[in-house]
Amino acid sequence: MRITKLFAPLVLANATVPALAWDGTQTVVPGTIDVTDGSNMGFRVWGPTCNGASNFAYLLSTDSNYNAYVATILMAKSQGLSVTFYTTKDANNYCHLGYITLH
């Protein structure tokens, strides 16, 4: 009985599912691409959403690893490859890209 009481909290702690920090996770072939001023949601890709927010996701030119994001998304679009987009809602209810996975 004592062993069961010791094991129960251990089993429960390991059985929990970690929460995702993303507002949206979606796997799609990138759609339309818009490019504008880098500080005005400068790179926009249509297709990924984040739980009812805008129907595009964006990067700012100041985002870490911006060039790698843009190159990967453009390559995926040109070759028809799927990308998993991980997005978060910003203060204006737009989807900001935070992570991508190329398939």
PDB file of N, CA and C in Angstrom:
ATOM      1  N   MET A   1       0.830  -1.188   0.000  1.00  0.00           N
ATOM      2  CA  MET A   1       0.000   0.000   0.000  1.00  0.00           C
ATOM      3  C   MET A   1       0.877   1.255   0.000  1.00  0.00           C
ATOM      4  N   ARG A   2       1.931   1.217   0.762  1.00  0.00           N
ATOM      5  CA  ARG A   2       2.826   2.365   0.868  1.00  0.00           C
ATOM      6  C   ARG A   2       3.498   2.643  -0.474  1.00  0.00           C
ATOM      7  N   ILE A   3       3.894   1.597  -1.210  1.00  0.00           N
ATOM      8  CA  ILE A   3       4.531   1.766  -2.514  1.00  0.00           C
ATOM      9  C   ILE A   3       3.562   2.423  -3.490  1.00  0.00           C
ATOM     10  N   THR A   4       2.289   2.034  -3.445  1.00  0.00           N
ATOM     11  CA  THR A   4       1.273   2.626  -4.316  1.00  0.00           C
ATOM     12  C   THR A   4       1.152   4.119  -4.049  1.00  0.00           C
ATOM     13  N   LYS A   5       1.181   4.520  -2.815  1.00  0.00           N
ATOM     14  CA  LYS A   5       1.073   5.938  -2.472  1.00  0.00           C
ATOM     15  C   LYS A   5       2.287   6.724  -2.955  1.00  0.00           C
ATOM     16  N   LEU A   6       3.433   6.080  -2.977  1.00  0.00           N
ATOM     17  CA  LEU A   6       4.636   6.748  -3.460  1.00  0.00           C
ATOM     18  C   LEU A   6       4.657   6.829  -4.982  1.00  0.00           C
ATOM     19  N   PHE A   7       4.166   5.791  -5.649  1.00  0.00           N
ATOM     20  CA  PHE A   7       4.187   5.752  -7.106  1.00  0.00           C
ATOM     21  C   PHE A   7       3.111   6.603  -7.764  1.00  0.00           C
ATOM     22  N   ALA A   8       1.965   6.766  -7.124  1.00  0.00           N
ATOM     23  CA  ALA A   8       0.846   7.493  -7.734  1.00  0.00           C
ATOM     24  C   ALA A   8       1.228   8.906  -8.161  1.00  0.00           C
ATOM     25  N   PRO A   9       1.847   9.714  -7.294  1.00  0.00           N
ATOM     26  CA  PRO A   9       2.224  11.060  -7.740  1.00  0.00           C
ATOM     27  C   PRO A   9       3.246  11.036  -8.877  1.00  0.00           C
ATOM     28  N   LEU A  10       4.144  10.075  -8.853  1.00  0.00           N
ATOM     29  CA  LEU A  10       5.151   9.947  -9.895  1.00  0.00           C
ATOM     30  C   LEU A  10       4.506   9.622 -11.242  1.00  0.00           C
ATOM     31  N   VAL A  11       3.567   8.699 -11.242  1.00  0.00           N
ATOM     32  CA  VAL A  11       2.861   8.322 -12.473  1.00  0.00           C
ATOM     33  C   VAL A  11       2.044   9.496 -12.986  1.00  0.00           C
ATOM     34  N   LEU A  12       1.336  10.170 -12.121  1.00  0.00           N
ATOM     35  CA  LEU A  12       0.515  11.307 -12.536  1.00  0.00           C
ATOM     36  C   LEU A  12       1.361  12.441 -13.085  1.00  0.00           C
ATOM     37  N   ALA A  13       2.494  12.693 -12.500  1.00  0.00           N
ATOM     38  CA  ALA A  13       3.372  13.765 -12.969  1.00  0.00           C
ATOM     39  C   ALA A  13       3.896  13.470 -14.366  1.00  0.00           C
ATOM     40  N   ASN A  14       4.174  12.222 -14.657  1.00  0.00           N
ATOM     41  CA  ASN A  14       4.696  11.848 -15.968  1.00  0.00           C
ATOM     42  C   ASN A  14       3.604  11.646 -17.009  1.00  0.00           C
ATOM     43  N   ALA A  15       2.359  11.579 -16.595  1.00  0.00           N
ATOM     44  CA  ALA A  15       1.260  11.343 -17.524  1.00  0.00           C
ATOM     45  C   ALA A  15       0.658  12.636 -18.058  1.00  0.00           C
ATOM     46  N   THR A  16       1.058  13.761 -17.526  1.00  0.00           N
ATOM     47  CA  THR A  16       0.487  15.028 -17.985  1.00  0.00           C
ATOM     48  C   THR A  16       0.996  15.365 -19.381  1.00  0.00           C
ATOM     49  N   VAL A  17       0.158  15.998 -20.154  1.00  0.00           N
ATOM     50  CA  VAL A  17       0.517  16.402 -21.515  1.00  0.00           C
ATOM     51  C   VAL A  17       1.008  17.841 -21.474  1.00  0.00           C
ATOM     52  N   PRO A  18       2.175  18.129 -22.044  1.00  0.00           N
ATOM     53  CA  PRO A  18       2.675  19.501 -22.013  1.00  0.00           C
ATOM     54  C   PRO A  18       1.813  20.420 -22.873  1.00  0.00           C
ATOM     55  N   ALA A  19       1.603  21.621 -22.419  1.00  0.00           N
ATOM     56  CA  ALA A  19       0.816  22.604 -23.165  1.00  0.00           C
ATOM     57  C   ALA A  19       1.689  23.246 -24.243  1.00  0.00           C
ATOM     58  N   LEU A  20       1.085  23.498 -25.384  1.00  0.00           N
ATOM     59  CA  LEU A  20       1.800  24.191 -26.455  1.00  0.00           C
ATOM     60  C   LEU A  20       1.717  25.690 -26.230  1.00  0.00           C
ATOM     61  N   ALA A  21       2.790  26.371 -26.502  1.00  0.00           N
ATOM     62  CA  ALA A  21       2.829  27.812 -26.298  1.00  0.00           C
ATOM     63  C   ALA A  21       2.322  28.567 -27.521  1.00  0.00           C
ATOM     64  N   TRP A  22       1.904  27.868 -28.563  1.00  0.00           N
ATOM     65  CA  TRP A  22       1.515  28.506 -29.817  1.00  0.00           C
ATOM     66  C   TRP A  22       0.006  28.688 -29.891  1.00  0.00           C
ATOM     67  N   ASP A  23      -0.430  29.813 -30.480  1.00  0.00           N
ATOM     68  CA  ASP A  23      -1.849  30.046 -30.707  1.00  0.00           C
ATOM     69  C   ASP A  23      -2.345  29.283 -31.930  1.00  0.00           C
ATOM     70  N   GLY A  24      -1.452  28.960 -32.819  1.00  0.00           N
ATOM     71  CA  GLY A  24      -1.836  28.211 -34.009  1.00  0.00           C
ATOM     72  C   GLY A  24      -0.704  27.338 -34.498  1.00  0.00           C
ATOM     73  N   THR A  25      -1.048  26.138 -34.939  1.00  0.00           N
ATOM     74  CA  THR A  25      -0.099  25.225 -35.557  1.00  0.00           C
ATOM     75  C   THR A  25      -0.813  24.638 -36.757  1.00  0.00           C
ATOM     76  N   GLN A  26      -0.262  24.859 -37.930  1.00  0.00           N
ATOM     77  CA  GLN A  26      -0.932  24.419 -39.141  1.00  0.00           C
ATOM     78  C   GLN A  26       0.095  23.992 -40.179  1.00  0.00           C
ATOM     79  N   THR A  27      -0.166  22.871 -40.858  1.00  0.00           N
ATOM     80  CA  THR A  27       0.712  22.388 -41.914  1.00  0.00           C
ATOM     81  C   THR A  27       0.024  22.616 -43.255  1.00  0.00           C
ATOM     82  N   VAL A  28       0.637  23.464 -44.090  1.00  0.00           N
ATOM     83  CA  VAL A  28       0.093  23.798 -45.411  1.00  0.00           C
ATOM     84  C   VAL A  28       1.247  24.071 -46.371  1.00  0.00           C
ATOM     85  N   VAL A  29       0.929  24.027 -47.659  1.00  0.00           N
ATOM     86  CA  VAL A  29       1.859  24.543 -48.660  1.00  0.00           C
ATOM     87  C   VAL A  29       1.668  26.051 -48.640  1.00  0.00           C
ATOM     88  N   PRO A  30       2.736  26.842 -48.506  1.00  0.00           N
ATOM     89  CA  PRO A  30       2.571  28.300 -48.443  1.00  0.00           C
ATOM     90  C   PRO A  30       1.776  28.829 -49.635  1.00  0.00           C
ATOM     91  N   GLY A  31       0.872  29.756 -49.346  1.00  0.00           N
ATOM     92  CA  GLY A  31       0.057  30.370 -50.387  1.00  0.00           C
ATOM     93  C   GLY A  31       0.705  31.644 -50.900  1.00  0.00           C
ATOM     94  N   THR A  32      -0.122  32.648 -51.113  1.00  0.00           N
ATOM     95  CA  THR A  32       0.346  33.943 -51.598  1.00  0.00           C
ATOM     96  C   THR A  32       1.369  34.532 -50.637  1.00  0.00           C
ATOM     97  N   ILE A  33       2.376  35.178 -51.187  1.00  0.00           N
ATOM     98  CA  ILE A  33       3.413  35.851 -50.394  1.00  0.00           C
ATOM     99  C   ILE A  33       3.329  37.347 -50.669  1.00  0.00           C
ATOM    100  N   ASP A  34       3.285  38.142 -49.624  1.00  0.00           N
ATOM    101  CA  ASP A  34       3.330  39.600 -49.739  1.00  0.00           C
ATOM    102  C   ASP A  34       4.620  40.088 -49.092  1.00  0.00           C
ATOM    103  N   VAL A  35       5.264  41.068 -49.712  1.00  0.00           N
ATOM    104  CA  VAL A  35       6.472  41.665 -49.143  1.00  0.00           C
ATOM    105  C   VAL A  35       6.283  43.179 -49.146  1.00  0.00           C
ATOM    106  N   THR A  36       6.530  43.786 -48.003  1.00  0.00           N
ATOM    107  CA  THR A  36       6.387  45.235 -47.863  1.00  0.00           C
ATOM    108  C   THR A  36       7.461  45.723 -46.895  1.00  0.00           C
ATOM    109  N   ASP A  37       7.303  46.931 -46.368  1.00  0.00           N
ATOM    110  CA  ASP A  37       8.263  47.503 -45.430  1.00  0.00           C
ATOM    111  C   ASP A  37       8.496  46.542 -44.271  1.00  0.00           C
ATOM    112  N   GLY A  38       9.753  46.307 -43.944  1.00  0.00           N
ATOM    113  CA  GLY A  38      10.127  45.313 -42.944  1.00  0.00           C
ATOM    114  C   GLY A  38       9.525  45.489 -41.575  1.00  0.00           C
ATOM    115  N   SER A  39       9.200  46.719 -41.190  1.00  0.00           N
ATOM    116  CA  SER A  39       8.630  46.955 -39.865  1.00  0.00           C
ATOM    117  C   SER A  39       7.100  46.923 -39.885  1.00  0.00           C
ATOM    118  N   ASN A  40       6.494  46.701 -41.057  1.00  0.00           N
ATOM    119  CA  ASN A  40       5.040  46.683 -41.211  1.00  0.00           C
ATOM    120  C   ASN A  40       4.591  45.279 -41.617  1.00  0.00           C
ATOM    121  N   MET A  41       4.890  44.284 -40.765  1.00  0.00           N
ATOM    122  CA  MET A  41       4.601  42.897 -41.118  1.00  0.00           C
ATOM    123  C   MET A  41       5.178  42.614 -42.502  1.00  0.00           C
ATOM    124  N   GLY A  42       6.465  42.905 -42.647  1.00  0.00           N
ATOM    125  CA  GLY A  42       7.159  42.960 -43.924  1.00  0.00           C
ATOM    126  C   GLY A  42       7.106  41.736 -44.805  1.00  0.00           C
ATOM    127  N   PHE A  43       7.040  40.544 -44.243  1.00  0.00           N
ATOM    128  CA  PHE A  43       6.940  39.315 -45.026  1.00  0.00           C
ATOM    129  C   PHE A  43       5.688  38.592 -44.552  1.00  0.00           C
ATOM    130  N   ARG A  44       4.734  38.443 -45.457  1.00  0.00           N
ATOM    131  CA  ARG A  44       3.462  37.811 -45.101  1.00  0.00           C
ATOM    132  C   ARG A  44       3.237  36.584 -45.972  1.00  0.00           C
ATOM    133  N   VAL A  45       2.826  35.520 -45.339  1.00  0.00           N
ATOM    134  CA  VAL A  45       2.509  34.295 -46.069  1.00  0.00           C
ATOM    135  C   VAL A  45       1.057  33.926 -45.760  1.00  0.00           C
ATOM    136  N   TRP A  46       0.282  33.751 -46.809  1.00  0.00           N
ATOM    137  CA  TRP A  46      -1.134  33.430 -46.682  1.00  0.00           C
ATOM    138  C   TRP A  46      -1.301  31.922 -46.580  1.00  0.00           C
ATOM    139  N   GLY A  47      -2.166  31.516 -45.711  1.00  0.00           N
ATOM    140  CA  GLY A  47      -2.428  30.096 -45.491  1.00  0.00           C
ATOM    141  C   GLY A  47      -2.479  29.763 -44.017  1.00  0.00           C
ATOM    142  N   PRO A  48      -1.385  29.983 -43.288  1.00  0.00           N
ATOM    143  CA  PRO A  48      -1.436  29.654 -41.858  1.00  0.00           C
ATOM    144  C   PRO A  48      -2.270  30.667 -41.078  1.00  0.00           C
ATOM    145  N   THR A  49      -2.997  30.183 -40.094  1.00  0.00           N
ATOM    146  CA  THR A  49      -3.803  31.034 -39.224  1.00  0.00           C
ATOM    147  C   THR A  49      -3.492  30.695 -37.769  1.00  0.00           C
ATOM    148  N   CYS A  50      -4.042  31.494 -36.873  1.00  0.00           N
ATOM    149  CA  CYS A  50      -3.894  31.186 -35.446  1.00  0.00           C
ATOM    150  C   CYS A  50      -5.205  31.435 -34.719  1.00  0.00           C
ATOM    151  N   ASN A  51      -6.008  30.400 -34.666  1.00  0.00           N
ATOM    152  CA  ASN A  51      -7.269  30.387 -33.911  1.00  0.00           C
ATOM    153  C   ASN A  51      -8.161  31.602 -34.148  1.00  0.00           C
ATOM    154  N   GLY A  52      -8.571  31.776 -35.376  1.00  0.00           N
ATOM    155  CA  GLY A  52      -9.538  32.820 -35.681  1.00  0.00           C
ATOM    156  C   GLY A  52      -8.951  34.202 -35.915  1.00  0.00           C
ATOM    157  N   ALA A  53      -7.654  34.327 -35.835  1.00  0.00           N
ATOM    158  CA  ALA A  53      -7.042  35.630 -36.122  1.00  0.00           C
ATOM    159  C   ALA A  53      -6.925  35.773 -37.642  1.00  0.00           C
ATOM    160  N   SER A  54      -6.028  36.572 -38.111  1.00  0.00           N
ATOM    161  CA  SER A  54      -5.867  36.820 -39.550  1.00  0.00           C
ATOM    162  C   SER A  54      -5.605  35.525 -40.316  1.00  0.00           C
ATOM    163  N   ASN A  55      -5.844  35.564 -41.626  1.00  0.00           N
ATOM    164  CA  ASN A  55      -5.611  34.369 -42.448  1.00  0.00           C
ATOM    165  C   ASN A  55      -4.248  34.425 -43.140  1.00  0.00           C
ATOM    166  N   PHE A  56      -3.321  35.136 -42.532  1.00  0.00           N
ATOM    167  CA  PHE A  56      -1.927  35.138 -42.963  1.00  0.00           C
ATOM    168  C   PHE A  56      -1.047  35.227 -41.723  1.00  0.00           C
ATOM    169  N   ALA A  57       0.202  34.861 -41.891  1.00  0.00           N
ATOM    170  CA  ALA A  57       1.177  34.988 -40.807  1.00  0.00           C
ATOM    171  C   ALA A  57       2.305  35.875 -41.310  1.00  0.00           C
ATOM    172  N   TYR A  58       2.957  36.574 -40.408  1.00  0.00           N
ATOM    173  CA  TYR A  58       3.967  37.545 -40.823  1.00  0.00           C
ATOM    174  C   TYR A  58       5.258  37.414 -40.036  1.00  0.00           C
ATOM    175  N   LEU A  59       6.290  37.992 -40.628  1.00  0.00           N
ATOM    176  CA  LEU A  59       7.586  38.183 -39.980  1.00  0.00           C
ATOM    177  C   LEU A  59       7.957  39.651 -40.081  1.00  0.00           C
ATOM    178  N   LEU A  60       8.704  40.126 -39.119  1.00  0.00           N
ATOM    179  CA  LEU A  60       9.299  41.456 -39.184  1.00  0.00           C
ATOM    180  C   LEU A  60      10.755  41.298 -39.594  1.00  0.00           C
ATOM    181  N   SER A  61      11.299  42.278 -40.264  1.00  0.00           N
ATOM    182  CA  SER A  61      12.703  42.179 -40.689  1.00  0.00           C
ATOM    183  C   SER A  61      13.655  42.091 -39.503  1.00  0.00           C
ATOM    184  N   THR A  62      13.211  42.468 -38.319  1.00  0.00           N
ATOM    185  CA  THR A  62      14.042  42.412 -37.116  1.00  0.00           C
ATOM    186  C   THR A  62      13.920  41.079 -36.376  1.00  0.00           C
ATOM    187  N   ASP A  63      13.045  40.180 -36.838  1.00  0.00           N
ATOM    188  CA  ASP A  63      12.897  38.872 -36.187  1.00  0.00           C
ATOM    189  C   ASP A  63      14.186  38.067 -36.317  1.00  0.00           C
ATOM    190  N   SER A  64      14.510  37.362 -35.255  1.00  0.00           N
ATOM    191  CA  SER A  64      15.693  36.507 -35.263  1.00  0.00           C
ATOM    192  C   SER A  64      15.574  35.469 -36.375  1.00  0.00           C
ATOM    193  N   ASN A  65      16.643  35.288 -37.127  1.00  0.00           N
ATOM    194  CA  ASN A  65      16.724  34.293 -38.196  1.00  0.00           C
ATOM    195  C   ASN A  65      15.768  34.586 -39.367  1.00  0.00           C
ATOM    196  N   TYR A  66      15.428  35.853 -39.538  1.00  0.00           N
ATOM    197  CA  TYR A  66      14.495  36.298 -40.584  1.00  0.00           C
ATOM    198  C   TYR A  66      14.868  35.742 -41.959  1.00  0.00           C
ATOM    199  N   ASN A  67      16.129  35.856 -42.349  1.00  0.00           N
ATOM    200  CA  ASN A  67      16.550  35.407 -43.684  1.00  0.00           C
ATOM    201  C   ASN A  67      16.338  33.910 -43.887  1.00  0.00           C
ATOM    202  N   ALA A  68      16.575  33.116 -42.861  1.00  0.00           N
ATOM    203  CA  ALA A  68      16.372  31.671 -42.972  1.00  0.00           C
ATOM    204  C   ALA A  68      14.888  31.340 -43.098  1.00  0.00           C
ATOM    205  N   TYR A  69      14.038  32.025 -42.338  1.00  0.00           N
ATOM    206  CA  TYR A  69      12.587  31.835 -42.460  1.00  0.00           C
ATOM    207  C   TYR A  69      12.138  32.122 -43.894  1.00  0.00           C
ATOM    208  N   VAL A  70      12.505  33.291 -44.389  1.00  0.00           N
ATOM    209  CA  VAL A  70      12.069  33.724 -45.721  1.00  0.00           C
ATOM    210  C   VAL A  70      12.561  32.745 -46.792  1.00  0.00           C
ATOM    211  N   ALA A  71      13.833  32.373 -46.733  1.00  0.00           N
ATOM    212  CA  ALA A  71      14.388  31.451 -47.725  1.00  0.00           C
ATOM    213  C   ALA A  71      13.674  30.101 -47.688  1.00  0.00           C
ATOM    214  N   THR A  72      13.418  29.596 -46.503  1.00  0.00           N
ATOM    215  CA  THR A  72      12.760  28.294 -46.366  1.00  0.00           C
ATOM    216  C   THR A  72      11.335  28.336 -46.892  1.00  0.00           C
ATOM    217  N   ILE A  73      10.609  29.385 -46.554  1.00  0.00           N
ATOM    218  CA  ILE A  73       9.212  29.497 -47.002  1.00  0.00           C
ATOM    219  C   ILE A  73       9.146  29.673 -48.514  1.00  0.00           C
ATOM    220  N   LEU A  74      10.009  30.501 -49.081  1.00  0.00           N
ATOM    221  CA  LEU A  74      10.014  30.699 -50.529  1.00  0.00           C
ATOM    222  C   LEU A  74      10.393  29.413 -51.266  1.00  0.00           C
ATOM    223  N   MET A  75      11.360  28.680 -50.741  1.00  0.00           N
ATOM    224  CA  MET A  75      11.728  27.410 -51.360  1.00  0.00           C
ATOM    225  C   MET A  75      10.565  26.423 -51.306  1.00  0.00           C
ATOM    226  N   ALA A  76       9.911  26.353 -50.161  1.00  0.00           N
ATOM    227  CA  ALA A  76       8.771  25.443 -50.015  1.00  0.00           C
ATOM    228  C   ALA A  76       7.659  25.797 -50.989  1.00  0.00           C
ATOM    229  N   LYS A  77       7.391  27.087 -51.127  1.00  0.00           N
ATOM    230  CA  LYS A  77       6.352  27.521 -52.062  1.00  0.00           C
ATOM    231  C   LYS A  77       6.726  27.144 -53.488  1.00  0.00           C
ATOM    232  N   SER A  78       7.955  27.395 -53.884  1.00  0.00           N
ATOM    233  CA  SER A  78       8.370  27.131 -55.263  1.00  0.00           C
ATOM    234  C   SER A  78       8.383  25.643 -55.587  1.00  0.00           C
ATOM    235  N   GLN A  79       8.576  24.796 -54.578  1.00  0.00           N
ATOM    236  CA  GLN A  79       8.625  23.352 -54.811  1.00  0.00           C
ATOM    237  C   GLN A  79       7.359  22.623 -54.375  1.00  0.00           C
ATOM    238  N   GLY A  80       6.374  23.378 -53.888  1.00  0.00           N
ATOM    239  CA  GLY A  80       5.114  22.770 -53.473  1.00  0.00           C
ATOM    240  C   GLY A  80       5.220  21.911 -52.227  1.00  0.00           C
ATOM    241  N   LEU A  81       6.165  22.231 -51.342  1.00  0.00           N
ATOM    242  CA  LEU A  81       6.375  21.455 -50.121  1.00  0.00           C
ATOM    243  C   LEU A  81       5.542  22.006 -48.970  1.00  0.00           C
ATOM    244  N   SER A  82       5.143  21.128 -48.074  1.00  0.00           N
ATOM    245  CA  SER A  82       4.387  21.540 -46.893  1.00  0.00           C
ATOM    246  C   SER A  82       5.315  22.098 -45.824  1.00  0.00           C
ATOM    247  N   VAL A  83       4.789  23.064 -45.092  1.00  0.00           N
ATOM    248  CA  VAL A  83       5.494  23.673 -43.966  1.00  0.00           C
ATOM    249  C   VAL A  83       4.539  23.678 -42.779  1.00  0.00           C
ATOM    250  N   THR A  84       5.037  23.321 -41.612  1.00  0.00           N
ATOM    251  CA  THR A  84       4.239  23.502 -40.399  1.00  0.00           C
ATOM    252  C   THR A  84       4.605  24.860 -39.828  1.00  0.00           C
ATOM    253  N   PHE A  85       3.598  25.714 -39.706  1.00  0.00           N
ATOM    254  CA  PHE A  85       3.762  27.072 -39.182  1.00  0.00           C
ATOM    255  C   PHE A  85       3.268  27.107 -37.743  1.00  0.00           C
ATOM    256  N   TYR A  86       4.085  27.635 -36.864  1.00  0.00           N
ATOM    257  CA  TYR A  86       3.728  27.832 -35.463  1.00  0.00           C
ATOM    258  C   TYR A  86       3.607  29.342 -35.263  1.00  0.00           C
ATOM    259  N   THR A  87       2.433  29.796 -34.849  1.00  0.00           N
ATOM    260  CA  THR A  87       2.173  31.234 -34.768  1.00  0.00           C
ATOM    261  C   THR A  87       1.621  31.633 -33.408  1.00  0.00           C
ATOM    262  N   THR A  88       1.812  32.902 -33.093  1.00  0.00           N
ATOM    263  CA  THR A  88       1.209  33.501 -31.903  1.00  0.00           C
ATOM    264  C   THR A  88       0.466  34.757 -32.324  1.00  0.00           C
ATOM    265  N   LYS A  89      -0.626  35.049 -31.632  1.00  0.00           N
ATOM    266  CA  LYS A  89      -1.386  36.269 -31.905  1.00  0.00           C
ATOM    267  C   LYS A  89      -0.655  37.458 -31.306  1.00  0.00           C
ATOM    268  N   ASP A  90      -0.570  38.535 -32.082  1.00  0.00           N
ATOM    269  CA  ASP A  90       0.014  39.754 -31.527  1.00  0.00           C
ATOM    270  C   ASP A  90      -1.101  40.599 -30.916  1.00  0.00           C
ATOM    271  N   ALA A  91      -0.766  41.776 -30.430  1.00  0.00           N
ATOM    272  CA  ALA A  91      -1.733  42.648 -29.757  1.00  0.00           C
ATOM    273  C   ALA A  91      -2.862  43.100 -30.682  1.00  0.00           C
ATOM    274  N   ASN A  92      -2.637  43.079 -32.011  1.00  0.00           N
ATOM    275  CA  ASN A  92      -3.658  43.503 -32.973  1.00  0.00           C
ATOM    276  C   ASN A  92      -4.395  42.327 -33.604  1.00  0.00           C
ATOM    277  N   ASN A  93      -4.243  41.132 -33.042  1.00  0.00           N
ATOM    278  CA  ASN A  93      -4.919  39.921 -33.500  1.00  0.00           C
ATOM    279  C   ASN A  93      -4.402  39.417 -34.850  1.00  0.00           C
ATOM    280  N   TYR A  94      -3.124  39.684 -35.144  1.00  0.00           N
ATOM    281  CA  TYR A  94      -2.484  39.138 -36.334  1.00  0.00           C
ATOM    282  C   TYR A  94      -1.583  37.978 -35.901  1.00  0.00           C
ATOM    283  N   CYS A  95      -1.285  37.092 -36.838  1.00  0.00           N
ATOM    284  CA  CYS A  95      -0.473  35.898 -36.548  1.00  0.00           C
ATOM    285  C   CYS A  95       1.002  36.166 -36.834  1.00  0.00           C
ATOM    286  N   HIS A  96       1.823  36.121 -35.819  1.00  0.00           N
ATOM    287  CA  HIS A  96       3.265  36.328 -35.946  1.00  0.00           C
ATOM    288  C   HIS A  96       3.941  34.968 -35.966  1.00  0.00           C
ATOM    289  N   LEU A  97       4.741  34.716 -37.007  1.00  0.00           N
ATOM    290  CA  LEU A  97       5.456  33.443 -37.097  1.00  0.00           C
ATOM    291  C   LEU A  97       6.514  33.345 -36.012  1.00  0.00           C
ATOM    292  N   GLY A  98       6.580  32.183 -35.379  1.00  0.00           N
ATOM    293  CA  GLY A  98       7.570  31.988 -34.343  1.00  0.00           C
ATOM    294  C   GLY A  98       8.452  30.779 -34.570  1.00  0.00           C
ATOM    295  N   TYR A  99       8.002  29.873 -35.461  1.00  0.00           N
ATOM    296  CA  TYR A  99       8.743  28.633 -35.685  1.00  0.00           C
ATOM    297  C   TYR A  99       8.157  27.980 -36.920  1.00  0.00           C
ATOM    298  N   ILE A 100       8.994  27.326 -37.720  1.00  0.00           N
ATOM    299  CA  ILE A 100       8.490  26.587 -38.871  1.00  0.00           C
ATOM    300  C   ILE A 100       9.240  25.259 -39.004  1.00  0.00           C
ATOM    301  N   THR A 101       8.578  24.293 -39.628  1.00  0.00           N
ATOM    302  CA  THR A 101       9.184  23.003 -39.917  1.00  0.00           C
ATOM    303  C   THR A 101       8.903  22.684 -41.372  1.00  0.00           C
ATOM    304  N   LEU A 102       9.926  22.391 -42.139  1.00  0.00           N
ATOM    305  CA  LEU A 102       9.791  22.038 -43.558  1.00  0.00           C
ATOM    306  C   LEU A 102       9.631  20.529 -43.666  1.00  0.00           C
ATOM    307  N   HIS A 103       8.666  20.088 -44.495  1.00  0.00           N
ATOM    308  CA  HIS A 103       8.414  18.640 -44.670  1.00  0.00           C
ATOM    309  C   HIS A 103       8.869  18.193 -46.041  1.00  0.00           C
TER     310      HIS A 103
END
